[in-house]
Amino acid sequence: MGFDSIWHWLVLLVIVLVVFGTGKLSKMGPDLGNAVRGFKKALHGDDDEKKSDAKSGEQLKADPPADASTQSQRDSSEAK
């Protein structure tokens, strides 16, 4: 009995159905799909996270200009 025989595949299918049952096999497809999607998201998620952090991250801003009274006090202290 080789791998190319149809009888081999039918016997293997019957054994798999008996061991796992139809309920577990019907749930295996969506579970496998979710696992693959999660894996792909994890692979590409780091790049997306860095891009979103750069766009929405806090931007550095210069200090606001000082008002005129503070500026004149500095000038007078430097002059002495």
N, C-alpha and C. Protein backbone atom coordinates (compact mmCIF):
# COMPACT_ATOMS: atom_id res chain seq x y z
N MET A 1 0.85 -1.17 0.00
CA MET A 1 0.00 0.00 0.00
C MET A 1 0.90 1.24 0.00
N GLY A 2 0.92 1.97 -1.11
CA GLY A 2 1.75 3.15 -1.24
C GLY A 2 0.95 4.43 -1.03
N PHE A 3 1.64 5.53 -1.06
CA PHE A 3 0.98 6.83 -0.86
C PHE A 3 0.11 7.24 -2.05
N ASP A 4 0.33 6.64 -3.19
CA ASP A 4 -0.44 7.00 -4.37
C ASP A 4 -1.74 6.19 -4.51
N SER A 5 -1.97 5.25 -3.62
CA SER A 5 -3.16 4.42 -3.68
C SER A 5 -4.36 5.14 -3.07
N ILE A 6 -5.51 5.07 -3.71
CA ILE A 6 -6.73 5.71 -3.21
C ILE A 6 -7.20 5.04 -1.93
N TRP A 7 -6.96 3.74 -1.83
CA TRP A 7 -7.39 2.99 -0.64
C TRP A 7 -6.60 3.45 0.59
N HIS A 8 -5.36 3.76 0.41
CA HIS A 8 -4.55 4.26 1.51
C HIS A 8 -5.15 5.56 2.06
N TRP A 9 -5.51 6.46 1.18
CA TRP A 9 -6.07 7.76 1.61
C TRP A 9 -7.45 7.60 2.25
N LEU A 10 -8.25 6.67 1.74
CA LEU A 10 -9.57 6.44 2.34
C LEU A 10 -9.47 5.85 3.75
N VAL A 11 -8.56 4.90 3.92
CA VAL A 11 -8.36 4.30 5.25
C VAL A 11 -7.81 5.35 6.21
N LEU A 12 -6.89 6.16 5.77
CA LEU A 12 -6.34 7.23 6.59
C LEU A 12 -7.41 8.25 6.97
N LEU A 13 -8.30 8.59 6.05
CA LEU A 13 -9.40 9.52 6.33
C LEU A 13 -10.36 8.95 7.37
N VAL A 14 -10.69 7.66 7.25
CA VAL A 14 -11.58 7.02 8.22
C VAL A 14 -10.94 7.01 9.61
N ILE A 15 -9.66 6.73 9.68
CA ILE A 15 -8.97 6.71 10.98
C ILE A 15 -8.96 8.11 11.60
N VAL A 16 -8.70 9.11 10.79
CA VAL A 16 -8.69 10.49 11.29
C VAL A 16 -10.07 10.89 11.78
N LEU A 17 -11.13 10.52 11.06
CA LEU A 17 -12.50 10.84 11.49
C LEU A 17 -12.85 10.13 12.79
N VAL A 18 -12.40 8.90 12.94
CA VAL A 18 -12.70 8.16 14.17
C VAL A 18 -11.96 8.77 15.36
N VAL A 19 -10.70 9.12 15.15
CA VAL A 19 -9.89 9.65 16.25
C VAL A 19 -10.34 11.05 16.66
N PHE A 20 -10.49 11.94 15.69
CA PHE A 20 -10.80 13.33 16.01
C PHE A 20 -12.29 13.62 16.04
N GLY A 21 -13.07 12.92 15.30
CA GLY A 21 -14.50 13.19 15.23
C GLY A 21 -14.78 14.36 14.30
N THR A 22 -16.02 14.44 13.83
CA THR A 22 -16.36 15.49 12.86
C THR A 22 -16.46 16.86 13.54
N GLY A 23 -16.82 16.90 14.81
CA GLY A 23 -16.94 18.19 15.50
C GLY A 23 -15.62 18.91 15.62
N LYS A 24 -14.58 18.16 15.99
CA LYS A 24 -13.27 18.78 16.13
C LYS A 24 -12.70 19.19 14.77
N LEU A 25 -12.98 18.38 13.75
CA LEU A 25 -12.45 18.71 12.42
C LEU A 25 -13.12 19.95 11.85
N SER A 26 -14.41 20.15 12.13
CA SER A 26 -15.08 21.33 11.59
C SER A 26 -14.60 22.60 12.29
N LYS A 27 -14.14 22.50 13.53
CA LYS A 27 -13.62 23.66 14.25
C LYS A 27 -12.15 23.93 13.92
N MET A 28 -11.49 22.93 13.38
CA MET A 28 -10.06 23.07 13.11
C MET A 28 -9.78 24.09 12.00
N GLY A 29 -10.62 24.17 11.00
CA GLY A 29 -10.41 25.10 9.89
C GLY A 29 -10.41 26.55 10.33
N PRO A 30 -11.47 27.04 10.99
CA PRO A 30 -11.46 28.43 11.45
C PRO A 30 -10.35 28.72 12.46
N ASP A 31 -10.06 27.77 13.33
CA ASP A 31 -8.98 27.97 14.30
C ASP A 31 -7.64 28.12 13.60
N LEU A 32 -7.42 27.31 12.59
CA LEU A 32 -6.17 27.40 11.84
C LEU A 32 -6.09 28.73 11.09
N GLY A 33 -7.21 29.16 10.52
CA GLY A 33 -7.24 30.45 9.82
C GLY A 33 -6.95 31.61 10.76
N ASN A 34 -7.54 31.59 11.96
CA ASN A 34 -7.27 32.65 12.94
C ASN A 34 -5.81 32.65 13.39
N ALA A 35 -5.24 31.47 13.51
CA ALA A 35 -3.84 31.37 13.91
C ALA A 35 -2.93 31.96 12.84
N VAL A 36 -3.22 31.66 11.58
CA VAL A 36 -2.40 32.19 10.49
C VAL A 36 -2.54 33.70 10.41
N ARG A 37 -3.80 34.22 10.55
CA ARG A 37 -4.00 35.67 10.53
C ARG A 37 -3.26 36.34 11.68
N GLY A 38 -3.32 35.74 12.85
CA GLY A 38 -2.61 36.30 14.00
C GLY A 38 -1.11 36.31 13.79
N PHE A 39 -0.60 35.26 13.18
CA PHE A 39 0.84 35.18 12.91
C PHE A 39 1.26 36.27 11.92
N LYS A 40 0.46 36.44 10.85
CA LYS A 40 0.78 37.48 9.87
C LYS A 40 0.70 38.87 10.50
N LYS A 41 -0.30 39.08 11.33
CA LYS A 41 -0.46 40.37 12.00
C LYS A 41 0.72 40.64 12.93
N ALA A 42 1.20 39.61 13.60
CA ALA A 42 2.34 39.77 14.49
C ALA A 42 3.61 40.09 13.71
N LEU A 43 3.75 39.50 12.53
CA LEU A 43 4.92 39.78 11.72
C LEU A 43 4.92 41.21 11.21
N HIS A 44 3.77 41.69 10.77
CA HIS A 44 3.67 43.02 10.19
C HIS A 44 3.21 44.06 11.20
N GLY A 45 2.81 43.65 12.37
CA GLY A 45 2.27 44.56 13.38
C GLY A 45 3.32 45.52 13.92
N ASP A 46 4.57 45.08 14.03
CA ASP A 46 5.61 45.95 14.56
C ASP A 46 5.82 47.17 13.67
N ASP A 47 5.81 46.97 12.36
CA ASP A 47 5.99 48.08 11.44
C ASP A 47 4.81 49.05 11.54
N ASP A 48 3.60 48.50 11.58
CA ASP A 48 2.41 49.35 11.68
C ASP A 48 2.40 50.11 12.99
N GLU A 49 2.84 49.47 14.05
CA GLU A 49 2.86 50.12 15.37
C GLU A 49 3.84 51.28 15.37
N LYS A 50 5.00 51.09 14.77
CA LYS A 50 5.99 52.16 14.72
C LYS A 50 5.48 53.34 13.90
N LYS A 51 4.81 53.05 12.79
CA LYS A 51 4.28 54.12 11.95
C LYS A 51 3.20 54.90 12.68
N SER A 52 2.31 54.20 13.36
CA SER A 52 1.22 54.87 14.05
C SER A 52 1.76 55.67 15.24
N ASP A 53 2.79 55.16 15.92
CA ASP A 53 3.39 55.91 17.02
C ASP A 53 4.05 57.19 16.53
N ALA A 54 4.69 57.11 15.37
CA ALA A 54 5.36 58.29 14.84
C ALA A 54 4.34 59.35 14.43
N LYS A 55 3.21 58.92 13.90
CA LYS A 55 2.19 59.88 13.47
C LYS A 55 1.43 60.46 14.63
N SER A 56 1.03 59.63 15.59
CA SER A 56 0.19 60.09 16.67
C SER A 56 0.98 60.43 17.92
N GLY A 57 2.27 60.22 17.89
CA GLY A 57 3.09 60.48 19.07
C GLY A 57 3.16 61.96 19.39
N GLU A 58 3.63 62.24 20.58
CA GLU A 58 3.73 63.62 21.02
C GLU A 58 4.87 64.29 20.28
N GLN A 59 4.59 65.44 19.71
CA GLN A 59 5.60 66.17 18.96
C GLN A 59 6.33 67.13 19.90
N LEU A 60 7.60 67.29 19.68
CA LEU A 60 8.36 68.23 20.48
C LEU A 60 8.08 69.63 19.99
N LYS A 61 7.92 70.55 20.92
CA LYS A 61 7.63 71.93 20.55
C LYS A 61 8.63 72.83 21.27
N ALA A 62 8.95 73.94 20.64
CA ALA A 62 9.86 74.90 21.25
C ALA A 62 9.15 75.61 22.41
N ASP A 63 9.95 76.16 23.30
CA ASP A 63 9.37 76.90 24.41
C ASP A 63 8.61 78.11 23.86
N PRO A 64 7.52 78.47 24.48
CA PRO A 64 6.78 79.64 24.01
C PRO A 64 7.61 80.91 24.24
N PRO A 65 7.41 81.91 23.41
CA PRO A 65 8.20 83.13 23.57
C PRO A 65 7.89 83.79 24.91
N ALA A 66 8.92 84.32 25.51
CA ALA A 66 8.75 84.98 26.81
C ALA A 66 8.08 86.33 26.60
N ASP A 67 7.31 86.77 27.59
CA ASP A 67 6.66 88.07 27.45
C ASP A 67 7.69 89.18 27.61
N ALA A 68 7.33 90.38 27.27
CA ALA A 68 8.25 91.52 27.19
C ALA A 68 8.86 91.87 28.55
N SER A 69 8.14 91.76 29.65
CA SER A 69 8.67 92.13 30.96
C SER A 69 9.82 91.21 31.38
N THR A 70 9.72 89.95 31.09
CA THR A 70 10.79 89.01 31.43
C THR A 70 12.01 89.30 30.59
N GLN A 71 11.81 89.66 29.35
CA GLN A 71 12.91 89.95 28.44
C GLN A 71 13.67 91.19 28.91
N SER A 72 12.97 92.22 29.34
CA SER A 72 13.65 93.45 29.77
C SER A 72 14.40 93.22 31.07
N GLN A 73 13.94 92.36 31.95
CA GLN A 73 14.67 92.07 33.19
C GLN A 73 15.97 91.35 32.90
N ARG A 74 15.97 90.48 31.93
CA ARG A 74 17.18 89.78 31.57
C ARG A 74 18.20 90.76 30.99
N ASP A 75 17.71 91.64 30.12
CA ASP A 75 18.61 92.59 29.48
C ASP A 75 19.26 93.50 30.52
N SER A 76 18.49 93.96 31.50
CA SER A 76 19.04 94.89 32.48
C SER A 76 20.05 94.20 33.39
N SER A 77 19.85 92.93 33.70
CA SER A 77 20.81 92.21 34.54
C SER A 77 22.08 91.90 33.79
N GLU A 78 22.01 91.73 32.50
CA GLU A 78 23.19 91.46 31.71
C GLU A 78 24.01 92.72 31.51
N ALA A 79 23.37 93.84 31.49
CA ALA A 79 24.06 95.11 31.26
C ALA A 79 24.93 95.49 32.44
N LYS A 80 24.59 95.09 33.62
CA LYS A 80 25.37 95.50 34.81
C LYS A 80 26.63 94.77 34.91
